[in-house]
Amino acid sequence: MECSEGLVIKPFTIMVSQDEPKKQKTKKTPKPEPSSTDLPIKKQAISMMKAYGFKQAESKLAVEKVYYAGIEFEELIKKALSEFGK
């Protein structure tokens, strides 16, 4: 507020190309298959859900719905529990 120096913006030029942009090819990445090391995490999560008082079938459904390879146990539990609020 005390500054008396004016703000100066130097002129600039924007060049726009008239060529149509080339479409980029998107590679479809295959959905990773669950590895054998990830399978016990599902069973642990289902057991934890049952300990919270949920039924086996609904626990399994919620865990399967949010599971992906590499998910951490705590994140899997949080996401599975959030499925019940929907």
PDB file of N, CA and C in Angstrom:
ATOM      1  N   MET A   1       0.822  -1.181   0.000  1.00  0.00           N
ATOM      2  CA  MET A   1       0.000   0.000   0.000  1.00  0.00           C
ATOM      3  C   MET A   1       0.874   1.255   0.000  1.00  0.00           C
ATOM      4  N   GLU A   2       2.028   1.170   0.581  1.00  0.00           N
ATOM      5  CA  GLU A   2       2.921   2.315   0.666  1.00  0.00           C
ATOM      6  C   GLU A   2       3.767   2.478  -0.591  1.00  0.00           C
ATOM      7  N   CYS A   3       3.754   1.517  -1.471  1.00  0.00           N
ATOM      8  CA  CYS A   3       4.605   1.531  -2.661  1.00  0.00           C
ATOM      9  C   CYS A   3       4.033   2.505  -3.694  1.00  0.00           C
ATOM     10  N   SER A   4       4.884   3.331  -4.257  1.00  0.00           N
ATOM     11  CA  SER A   4       4.422   4.283  -5.262  1.00  0.00           C
ATOM     12  C   SER A   4       4.902   3.892  -6.661  1.00  0.00           C
ATOM     13  N   GLU A   5       5.552   2.720  -6.773  1.00  0.00           N
ATOM     14  CA  GLU A   5       6.068   2.273  -8.055  1.00  0.00           C
ATOM     15  C   GLU A   5       4.940   1.603  -8.840  1.00  0.00           C
ATOM     16  N   GLY A   6       4.778   1.984 -10.095  1.00  0.00           N
ATOM     17  CA  GLY A   6       3.717   1.441 -10.918  1.00  0.00           C
ATOM     18  C   GLY A   6       4.057   0.059 -11.453  1.00  0.00           C
ATOM     19  N   LEU A   7       3.054  -0.721 -11.701  1.00  0.00           N
ATOM     20  CA  LEU A   7       3.217  -2.059 -12.251  1.00  0.00           C
ATOM     21  C   LEU A   7       3.291  -1.953 -13.768  1.00  0.00           C
ATOM     22  N   VAL A   8       4.317  -2.539 -14.370  1.00  0.00           N
ATOM     23  CA  VAL A   8       4.501  -2.479 -15.814  1.00  0.00           C
ATOM     24  C   VAL A   8       4.500  -3.891 -16.363  1.00  0.00           C
ATOM     25  N   ILE A   9       3.649  -4.137 -17.316  1.00  0.00           N
ATOM     26  CA  ILE A   9       3.606  -5.437 -17.987  1.00  0.00           C
ATOM     27  C   ILE A   9       4.098  -5.221 -19.401  1.00  0.00           C
ATOM     28  N   LYS A  10       5.169  -5.917 -19.720  1.00  0.00           N
ATOM     29  CA  LYS A  10       5.752  -5.775 -21.049  1.00  0.00           C
ATOM     30  C   LYS A  10       4.866  -6.486 -22.070  1.00  0.00           C
ATOM     31  N   PRO A  11       4.760  -5.941 -23.296  1.00  0.00           N
ATOM     32  CA  PRO A  11       3.925  -6.569 -24.313  1.00  0.00           C
ATOM     33  C   PRO A  11       4.477  -7.945 -24.722  1.00  0.00           C
ATOM     34  N   PHE A  12       3.574  -8.832 -25.119  1.00  0.00           N
ATOM     35  CA  PHE A  12       3.981 -10.157 -25.556  1.00  0.00           C
ATOM     36  C   PHE A  12       3.100 -10.577 -26.724  1.00  0.00           C
ATOM     37  N   THR A  13       3.540 -11.591 -27.463  1.00  0.00           N
ATOM     38  CA  THR A  13       2.819 -12.071 -28.635  1.00  0.00           C
ATOM     39  C   THR A  13       2.466 -13.538 -28.447  1.00  0.00           C
ATOM     40  N   ILE A  14       1.259 -13.896 -28.838  1.00  0.00           N
ATOM     41  CA  ILE A  14       0.822 -15.293 -28.790  1.00  0.00           C
ATOM     42  C   ILE A  14       0.665 -15.763 -30.223  1.00  0.00           C
ATOM     43  N   MET A  15       1.389 -16.808 -30.575  1.00  0.00           N
ATOM     44  CA  MET A  15       1.311 -17.383 -31.917  1.00  0.00           C
ATOM     45  C   MET A  15       0.329 -18.550 -31.880  1.00  0.00           C
ATOM     46  N   VAL A  16      -0.648 -18.543 -32.784  1.00  0.00           N
ATOM     47  CA  VAL A  16      -1.651 -19.600 -32.851  1.00  0.00           C
ATOM     48  C   VAL A  16      -1.497 -20.321 -34.175  1.00  0.00           C
ATOM     49  N   SER A  17      -1.361 -21.628 -34.100  1.00  0.00           N
ATOM     50  CA  SER A  17      -1.214 -22.444 -35.302  1.00  0.00           C
ATOM     51  C   SER A  17      -2.594 -22.724 -35.890  1.00  0.00           C
ATOM     52  N   GLN A  18      -2.711 -22.666 -37.201  1.00  0.00           N
ATOM     53  CA  GLN A  18      -3.983 -22.926 -37.867  1.00  0.00           C
ATOM     54  C   GLN A  18      -4.160 -24.398 -38.225  1.00  0.00           C
ATOM     55  N   ASP A  19      -3.133 -25.210 -38.004  1.00  0.00           N
ATOM     56  CA  ASP A  19      -3.220 -26.633 -38.294  1.00  0.00           C
ATOM     57  C   ASP A  19      -4.111 -27.319 -37.278  1.00  0.00           C
ATOM     58  N   GLU A  20      -4.791 -28.363 -37.734  1.00  0.00           N
ATOM     59  CA  GLU A  20      -5.608 -29.134 -36.814  1.00  0.00           C
ATOM     60  C   GLU A  20      -4.689 -30.007 -35.975  1.00  0.00           C
ATOM     61  N   PRO A  21      -4.965 -30.103 -34.704  1.00  0.00           N
ATOM     62  CA  PRO A  21      -4.106 -30.946 -33.864  1.00  0.00           C
ATOM     63  C   PRO A  21      -4.282 -32.423 -34.225  1.00  0.00           C
ATOM     64  N   LYS A  22      -3.198 -33.160 -34.146  1.00  0.00           N
ATOM     65  CA  LYS A  22      -3.252 -34.591 -34.419  1.00  0.00           C
ATOM     66  C   LYS A  22      -3.869 -35.293 -33.225  1.00  0.00           C
ATOM     67  N   LYS A  23      -4.684 -36.274 -33.526  1.00  0.00           N
ATOM     68  CA  LYS A  23      -5.304 -37.035 -32.447  1.00  0.00           C
ATOM     69  C   LYS A  23      -4.269 -37.987 -31.868  1.00  0.00           C
ATOM     70  N   GLN A  24      -4.197 -37.996 -30.571  1.00  0.00           N
ATOM     71  CA  GLN A  24      -3.274 -38.900 -29.905  1.00  0.00           C
ATOM     72  C   GLN A  24      -3.965 -40.229 -29.677  1.00  0.00           C
ATOM     73  N   LYS A  25      -3.229 -41.285 -29.950  1.00  0.00           N
ATOM     74  CA  LYS A  25      -3.772 -42.615 -29.708  1.00  0.00           C
ATOM     75  C   LYS A  25      -3.634 -42.932 -28.232  1.00  0.00           C
ATOM     76  N   THR A  26      -4.733 -43.364 -27.640  1.00  0.00           N
ATOM     77  CA  THR A  26      -4.687 -43.735 -26.234  1.00  0.00           C
ATOM     78  C   THR A  26      -4.552 -45.245 -26.146  1.00  0.00           C
ATOM     79  N   LYS A  27      -3.632 -45.643 -25.326  1.00  0.00           N
ATOM     80  CA  LYS A  27      -3.417 -47.069 -25.131  1.00  0.00           C
ATOM     81  C   LYS A  27      -4.333 -47.536 -24.013  1.00  0.00           C
ATOM     82  N   LYS A  28      -4.996 -48.628 -24.263  1.00  0.00           N
ATOM     83  CA  LYS A  28      -5.833 -49.212 -23.227  1.00  0.00           C
ATOM     84  C   LYS A  28      -4.951 -50.109 -22.370  1.00  0.00           C
ATOM     85  N   THR A  29      -4.946 -49.810 -21.096  1.00  0.00           N
ATOM     86  CA  THR A  29      -4.154 -50.636 -20.199  1.00  0.00           C
ATOM     87  C   THR A  29      -5.050 -51.723 -19.639  1.00  0.00           C
ATOM     88  N   PRO A  30      -4.587 -52.944 -19.709  1.00  0.00           N
ATOM     89  CA  PRO A  30      -5.412 -54.021 -19.172  1.00  0.00           C
ATOM     90  C   PRO A  30      -5.516 -53.915 -17.657  1.00  0.00           C
ATOM     91  N   LYS A  31      -6.662 -54.297 -17.146  1.00  0.00           N
ATOM     92  CA  LYS A  31      -6.867 -54.256 -15.710  1.00  0.00           C
ATOM     93  C   LYS A  31      -5.972 -55.314 -15.069  1.00  0.00           C
ATOM     94  N   PRO A  32      -5.184 -54.906 -14.096  1.00  0.00           N
ATOM     95  CA  PRO A  32      -4.262 -55.871 -13.510  1.00  0.00           C
ATOM     96  C   PRO A  32      -5.008 -56.978 -12.776  1.00  0.00           C
ATOM     97  N   GLU A  33      -4.534 -58.176 -12.955  1.00  0.00           N
ATOM     98  CA  GLU A  33      -5.119 -59.320 -12.270  1.00  0.00           C
ATOM     99  C   GLU A  33      -4.588 -59.350 -10.840  1.00  0.00           C
ATOM    100  N   PRO A  34      -5.412 -59.733  -9.900  1.00  0.00           N
ATOM    101  CA  PRO A  34      -4.909 -59.811  -8.531  1.00  0.00           C
ATOM    102  C   PRO A  34      -3.843 -60.890  -8.410  1.00  0.00           C
ATOM    103  N   SER A  35      -2.760 -60.555  -7.787  1.00  0.00           N
ATOM    104  CA  SER A  35      -1.705 -61.537  -7.606  1.00  0.00           C
ATOM    105  C   SER A  35      -1.990 -62.377  -6.375  1.00  0.00           C
ATOM    106  N   SER A  36      -1.273 -63.464  -6.244  1.00  0.00           N
ATOM    107  CA  SER A  36      -1.515 -64.360  -5.120  1.00  0.00           C
ATOM    108  C   SER A  36      -1.168 -63.709  -3.788  1.00  0.00           C
ATOM    109  N   THR A  37      -0.284 -62.702  -3.807  1.00  0.00           N
ATOM    110  CA  THR A  37       0.066 -62.026  -2.559  1.00  0.00           C
ATOM    111  C   THR A  37      -1.029 -61.066  -2.118  1.00  0.00           C
ATOM    112  N   ASP A  38      -1.892 -60.629  -3.042  1.00  0.00           N
ATOM    113  CA  ASP A  38      -2.960 -59.699  -2.692  1.00  0.00           C
ATOM    114  C   ASP A  38      -4.219 -60.409  -2.199  1.00  0.00           C
ATOM    115  N   LEU A  39      -4.369 -61.667  -2.487  1.00  0.00           N
ATOM    116  CA  LEU A  39      -5.596 -62.368  -2.124  1.00  0.00           C
ATOM    117  C   LEU A  39      -5.838 -62.436  -0.617  1.00  0.00           C
ATOM    118  N   PRO A  40      -4.821 -62.666   0.207  1.00  0.00           N
ATOM    119  CA  PRO A  40      -5.106 -62.709   1.642  1.00  0.00           C
ATOM    120  C   PRO A  40      -5.637 -61.396   2.205  1.00  0.00           C
ATOM    121  N   ILE A  41      -5.318 -60.280   1.578  1.00  0.00           N
ATOM    122  CA  ILE A  41      -5.806 -58.989   2.075  1.00  0.00           C
ATOM    123  C   ILE A  41      -7.329 -58.926   1.984  1.00  0.00           C
ATOM    124  N   LYS A  42      -7.899 -59.552   0.958  1.00  0.00           N
ATOM    125  CA  LYS A  42      -9.362 -59.590   0.834  1.00  0.00           C
ATOM    126  C   LYS A  42      -9.959 -60.373   1.998  1.00  0.00           C
ATOM    127  N   LYS A  43      -9.364 -61.536   2.279  1.00  0.00           N
ATOM    128  CA  LYS A  43      -9.878 -62.372   3.364  1.00  0.00           C
ATOM    129  C   LYS A  43      -9.758 -61.660   4.702  1.00  0.00           C
ATOM    130  N   GLN A  44      -8.639 -60.955   4.896  1.00  0.00           N
ATOM    131  CA  GLN A  44      -8.460 -60.195   6.136  1.00  0.00           C
ATOM    132  C   GLN A  44      -9.508 -59.092   6.250  1.00  0.00           C
ATOM    133  N   ALA A  45      -9.768 -58.415   5.136  1.00  0.00           N
ATOM    134  CA  ALA A  45     -10.746 -57.331   5.146  1.00  0.00           C
ATOM    135  C   ALA A  45     -12.151 -57.863   5.434  1.00  0.00           C
ATOM    136  N   ILE A  46     -12.487 -58.993   4.825  1.00  0.00           N
ATOM    137  CA  ILE A  46     -13.811 -59.578   5.058  1.00  0.00           C
ATOM    138  C   ILE A  46     -13.945 -59.993   6.519  1.00  0.00           C
ATOM    139  N   SER A  47     -12.894 -60.574   7.083  1.00  0.00           N
ATOM    140  CA  SER A  47     -12.914 -60.964   8.497  1.00  0.00           C
ATOM    141  C   SER A  47     -13.081 -59.743   9.400  1.00  0.00           C
ATOM    142  N   MET A  48     -12.406 -58.663   9.051  1.00  0.00           N
ATOM    143  CA  MET A  48     -12.512 -57.430   9.830  1.00  0.00           C
ATOM    144  C   MET A  48     -13.934 -56.881   9.757  1.00  0.00           C
ATOM    145  N   MET A  49     -14.515 -56.916   8.573  1.00  0.00           N
ATOM    146  CA  MET A  49     -15.886 -56.426   8.407  1.00  0.00           C
ATOM    147  C   MET A  49     -16.855 -57.273   9.240  1.00  0.00           C
ATOM    148  N   LYS A  50     -16.630 -58.585   9.253  1.00  0.00           N
ATOM    149  CA  LYS A  50     -17.471 -59.462  10.065  1.00  0.00           C
ATOM    150  C   LYS A  50     -17.311 -59.132  11.548  1.00  0.00           C
ATOM    151  N   ALA A  51     -16.093 -58.769  11.956  1.00  0.00           N
ATOM    152  CA  ALA A  51     -15.861 -58.391  13.351  1.00  0.00           C
ATOM    153  C   ALA A  51     -16.628 -57.120  13.706  1.00  0.00           C
ATOM    154  N   TYR A  52     -16.853 -56.252  12.710  1.00  0.00           N
ATOM    155  CA  TYR A  52     -17.646 -55.043  12.928  1.00  0.00           C
ATOM    156  C   TYR A  52     -19.142 -55.330  12.983  1.00  0.00           C
ATOM    157  N   GLY A  53     -19.517 -56.570  12.675  1.00  0.00           N
ATOM    158  CA  GLY A  53     -20.919 -56.957  12.779  1.00  0.00           C
ATOM    159  C   GLY A  53     -21.645 -57.107  11.459  1.00  0.00           C
ATOM    160  N   PHE A  54     -20.942 -57.002  10.351  1.00  0.00           N
ATOM    161  CA  PHE A  54     -21.574 -57.181   9.048  1.00  0.00           C
ATOM    162  C   PHE A  54     -21.636 -58.662   8.691  1.00  0.00           C
ATOM    163  N   LYS A  55     -22.572 -59.035   7.847  1.00  0.00           N
ATOM    164  CA  LYS A  55     -22.711 -60.414   7.407  1.00  0.00           C
ATOM    165  C   LYS A  55     -21.616 -60.762   6.402  1.00  0.00           C
ATOM    166  N   GLN A  56     -21.318 -62.047   6.269  1.00  0.00           N
ATOM    167  CA  GLN A  56     -20.279 -62.534   5.355  1.00  0.00           C
ATOM    168  C   GLN A  56     -20.558 -62.079   3.919  1.00  0.00           C
ATOM    169  N   ALA A  57     -21.781 -62.255   3.440  1.00  0.00           N
ATOM    170  CA  ALA A  57     -22.122 -61.940   2.051  1.00  0.00           C
ATOM    171  C   ALA A  57     -21.990 -60.451   1.758  1.00  0.00           C
ATOM    172  N   GLU A  58     -22.499 -59.609   2.637  1.00  0.00           N
ATOM    173  CA  GLU A  58     -22.417 -58.172   2.386  1.00  0.00           C
ATOM    174  C   GLU A  58     -20.995 -57.656   2.544  1.00  0.00           C
ATOM    175  N   SER A  59     -20.230 -58.263   3.440  1.00  0.00           N
ATOM    176  CA  SER A  59     -18.821 -57.888   3.596  1.00  0.00           C
ATOM    177  C   SER A  59     -18.033 -58.229   2.344  1.00  0.00           C
ATOM    178  N   LYS A  60     -18.256 -59.433   1.843  1.00  0.00           N
ATOM    179  CA  LYS A  60     -17.541 -59.877   0.639  1.00  0.00           C
ATOM    180  C   LYS A  60     -17.901 -58.997  -0.547  1.00  0.00           C
ATOM    181  N   LEU A  61     -19.156 -58.667  -0.697  1.00  0.00           N
ATOM    182  CA  LEU A  61     -19.597 -57.825  -1.804  1.00  0.00           C
ATOM    183  C   LEU A  61     -18.965 -56.435  -1.733  1.00  0.00           C
ATOM    184  N   ALA A  62     -18.932 -55.839  -0.551  1.00  0.00           N
ATOM    185  CA  ALA A  62     -18.359 -54.500  -0.385  1.00  0.00           C
ATOM    186  C   ALA A  62     -16.857 -54.512  -0.658  1.00  0.00           C
ATOM    187  N   VAL A  63     -16.160 -55.536  -0.176  1.00  0.00           N
ATOM    188  CA  VAL A  63     -14.711 -55.628  -0.383  1.00  0.00           C
ATOM    189  C   VAL A  63     -14.402 -55.843  -1.857  1.00  0.00           C
ATOM    190  N   GLU A  64     -15.123 -56.739  -2.520  1.00  0.00           N
ATOM    191  CA  GLU A  64     -14.892 -57.009  -3.939  1.00  0.00           C
ATOM    192  C   GLU A  64     -15.157 -55.771  -4.794  1.00  0.00           C
ATOM    193  N   LYS A  65     -16.095 -54.968  -4.380  1.00  0.00           N
ATOM    194  CA  LYS A  65     -16.488 -53.783  -5.148  1.00  0.00           C
ATOM    195  C   LYS A  65     -15.382 -52.728  -5.191  1.00  0.00           C
ATOM    196  N   VAL A  66     -14.621 -52.587  -4.103  1.00  0.00           N
ATOM    197  CA  VAL A  66     -13.623 -51.521  -4.014  1.00  0.00           C
ATOM    198  C   VAL A  66     -12.186 -52.020  -4.141  1.00  0.00           C
ATOM    199  N   TYR A  67     -11.986 -53.319  -4.196  1.00  0.00           N
ATOM    200  CA  TYR A  67     -10.640 -53.886  -4.227  1.00  0.00           C
ATOM    201  C   TYR A  67      -9.950 -53.634  -5.563  1.00  0.00           C
ATOM    202  N   TYR A  68      -8.675 -53.306  -5.519  1.00  0.00           N
ATOM    203  CA  TYR A  68      -7.810 -53.288  -6.693  1.00  0.00           C
ATOM    204  C   TYR A  68      -6.421 -53.712  -6.246  1.00  0.00           C
ATOM    205  N   ALA A  69      -5.645 -54.211  -7.180  1.00  0.00           N
ATOM    206  CA  ALA A  69      -4.309 -54.719  -6.865  1.00  0.00           C
ATOM    207  C   ALA A  69      -3.451 -53.603  -6.283  1.00  0.00           C
ATOM    208  N   GLY A  70      -2.792 -53.887  -5.176  1.00  0.00           N
ATOM    209  CA  GLY A  70      -1.899 -52.912  -4.565  1.00  0.00           C
ATOM    210  C   GLY A  70      -2.539 -52.037  -3.500  1.00  0.00           C
ATOM    211  N   ILE A  71      -3.844 -52.164  -3.298  1.00  0.00           N
ATOM    212  CA  ILE A  71      -4.506 -51.348  -2.275  1.00  0.00           C
ATOM    213  C   ILE A  71      -4.023 -51.785  -0.895  1.00  0.00           C
ATOM    214  N   GLU A  72      -3.864 -50.825  -0.015  1.00  0.00           N
ATOM    215  CA  GLU A  72      -3.438 -51.143   1.341  1.00  0.00           C
ATOM    216  C   GLU A  72      -4.648 -51.556   2.170  1.00  0.00           C
ATOM    217  N   PHE A  73      -4.372 -52.342   3.204  1.00  0.00           N
ATOM    218  CA  PHE A  73      -5.426 -52.916   4.025  1.00  0.00           C
ATOM    219  C   PHE A  73      -6.354 -51.855   4.612  1.00  0.00           C
ATOM    220  N   GLU A  74      -5.768 -50.813   5.207  1.00  0.00           N
ATOM    221  CA  GLU A  74      -6.579 -49.768   5.840  1.00  0.00           C
ATOM    222  C   GLU A  74      -7.474 -49.062   4.823  1.00  0.00           C
ATOM    223  N   GLU A  75      -6.921 -48.794   3.644  1.00  0.00           N
ATOM    224  CA  GLU A  75      -7.692 -48.133   2.587  1.00  0.00           C
ATOM    225  C   GLU A  75      -8.835 -49.025   2.113  1.00  0.00           C
ATOM    226  N   LEU A  76      -8.568 -50.316   2.006  1.00  0.00           N
ATOM    227  CA  LEU A  76      -9.594 -51.274   1.585  1.00  0.00           C
ATOM    228  C   LEU A  76     -10.742 -51.292   2.587  1.00  0.00           C
ATOM    229  N   ILE A  77     -10.420 -51.307   3.865  1.00  0.00           N
ATOM    230  CA  ILE A  77     -11.462 -51.302   4.906  1.00  0.00           C
ATOM    231  C   ILE A  77     -12.277 -50.010   4.843  1.00  0.00           C
ATOM    232  N   LYS A  78     -11.591 -48.857   4.736  1.00  0.00           N
ATOM    233  CA  LYS A  78     -12.300 -47.575   4.670  1.00  0.00           C
ATOM    234  C   LYS A  78     -13.255 -47.521   3.488  1.00  0.00           C
ATOM    235  N   LYS A  79     -12.774 -47.936   2.320  1.00  0.00           N
ATOM    236  CA  LYS A  79     -13.617 -47.878   1.125  1.00  0.00           C
ATOM    237  C   LYS A  79     -14.770 -48.859   1.218  1.00  0.00           C
ATOM    238  N   ALA A  80     -14.504 -50.052   1.748  1.00  0.00           N
ATOM    239  CA  ALA A  80     -15.567 -51.046   1.874  1.00  0.00           C
ATOM    240  C   ALA A  80     -16.637 -50.547   2.837  1.00  0.00           C
ATOM    241  N   LEU A  81     -16.231 -49.942   3.951  1.00  0.00           N
ATOM    242  CA  LEU A  81     -17.205 -49.404   4.905  1.00  0.00           C
ATOM    243  C   LEU A  81     -18.015 -48.258   4.291  1.00  0.00           C
ATOM    244  N   SER A  82     -17.371 -47.469   3.438  1.00  0.00           N
ATOM    245  CA  SER A  82     -18.086 -46.352   2.811  1.00  0.00           C
ATOM    246  C   SER A  82     -19.150 -46.838   1.836  1.00  0.00           C
ATOM    247  N   GLU A  83     -19.033 -48.065   1.354  1.00  0.00           N
ATOM    248  CA  GLU A  83     -20.037 -48.626   0.450  1.00  0.00           C
ATOM    249  C   GLU A  83     -21.394 -48.781   1.150  1.00  0.00           C
ATOM    250  N   PHE A  84     -21.387 -48.969   2.453  1.00  0.00           N
ATOM    251  CA  PHE A  84     -22.636 -49.163   3.180  1.00  0.00           C
ATOM    252  C   PHE A  84     -23.411 -47.873   3.351  1.00  0.00           C
ATOM    253  N   GLY A  85     -22.752 -46.735   3.193  1.00  0.00           N
ATOM    254  CA  GLY A  85     -23.442 -45.459   3.316  1.00  0.00           C
ATOM    255  C   GLY A  85     -24.138 -45.028   2.040  1.00  0.00           C
ATOM    256  N   LYS A  86     -23.911 -45.765   0.961  1.00  0.00           N
ATOM    257  CA  LYS A  86     -24.480 -45.359  -0.342  1.00  0.00           C
ATOM    258  C   LYS A  86     -25.877 -45.884  -0.521  1.00  0.00           C
TER     259      LYS A  86
END
